[in-house]
């Protein structure tokens, strides 16, 4: 079982390193993160989840007291 977790951890670390390199290259070449945000927001409705986490959960937490 520990071998399986080692494989999973290796895959995750490689993915994080690859994503970091991609973001770094994007920043060096003048990437526009607002375009990336607009694409994700259009497809996955990121803003709704952000509002839910920041406003609704916060209001719920305050209502407990």
Protein backbone atom coordinates (compact mmCIF):
# COMPACT_ATOMS: atom_id res chain seq x y z
CA UNK A 1 0.00 0.00 0.00
CA UNK A 2 2.84 2.40 0.72
CA UNK A 3 4.14 1.82 -2.83
CA UNK A 4 0.78 2.94 -4.23
CA UNK A 5 0.85 6.13 -2.14
CA UNK A 6 4.40 6.79 -3.30
CA UNK A 7 3.25 6.54 -6.92
CA UNK A 8 0.32 8.87 -6.26
CA UNK A 9 2.56 11.37 -4.47
CA UNK A 10 5.06 11.27 -7.32
CA UNK A 11 2.34 11.95 -9.90
CA UNK A 12 0.96 14.85 -7.85
CA UNK A 13 4.42 16.39 -7.36
CA UNK A 14 5.19 16.12 -11.08
CA UNK A 15 1.86 17.78 -11.89
CA UNK A 16 2.53 20.63 -9.42
CA UNK A 17 6.04 21.17 -10.80
CA UNK A 18 4.69 21.15 -14.37
CA UNK A 19 1.96 23.66 -13.46
CA UNK A 20 4.52 25.92 -11.75
CA UNK A 21 6.75 25.85 -14.81
CA UNK A 22 3.78 26.64 -17.06
CA UNK A 23 2.70 29.60 -14.92
CA UNK A 24 6.29 30.85 -14.76
CA UNK A 25 6.69 30.69 -18.53
CA UNK A 26 3.32 32.38 -18.93
CA UNK A 27 4.38 35.23 -16.65
CA UNK A 28 7.68 35.64 -18.49
CA UNK A 29 5.90 35.85 -21.85
CA UNK A 30 3.29 38.36 -20.67
CA UNK A 31 0.28 36.18 -19.87
CA UNK A 32 -3.04 37.82 -19.12
CA UNK A 33 -4.62 36.03 -16.17
CA UNK A 34 -7.95 37.78 -16.61
CA UNK A 35 -8.49 35.79 -19.84
CA UNK A 36 -7.77 32.53 -18.00
CA UNK A 37 -10.16 33.54 -15.21
CA UNK A 38 -12.88 34.43 -17.72
CA UNK A 39 -12.57 31.04 -19.43
CA UNK A 40 -12.79 29.14 -16.13
CA UNK A 41 -15.60 31.33 -14.84
CA UNK A 42 -17.59 30.77 -18.04
CA UNK A 43 -17.13 27.00 -17.95
CA UNK A 44 -17.17 26.22 -14.20
CA UNK A 45 -18.88 29.29 -12.68
CA UNK A 46 -15.95 29.98 -10.34
CA UNK A 47 -17.44 33.23 -9.08
CA UNK A 48 -20.49 31.43 -7.65
CA UNK A 49 -18.27 29.07 -5.63
CA UNK A 50 -16.09 31.96 -4.47
CA UNK A 51 -19.14 33.89 -3.28
CA UNK A 52 -20.50 30.79 -1.57
CA UNK A 53 -17.24 30.22 0.31
CA UNK A 54 -16.65 33.83 1.27
CA UNK A 55 -20.13 35.19 1.93
CA UNK A 56 -22.56 32.35 2.61
CA UNK A 57 -20.29 30.20 4.76
CA UNK A 58 -19.15 33.29 6.68
CA UNK A 59 -22.75 34.36 7.33
CA UNK A 60 -23.63 30.82 8.43
CA UNK A 61 -20.66 30.78 10.79
CA UNK A 62 -21.70 34.10 12.32
CA UNK A 63 -25.26 32.86 12.78
CA UNK A 64 -23.96 30.10 15.05
CA UNK A 65 -23.06 32.67 17.71
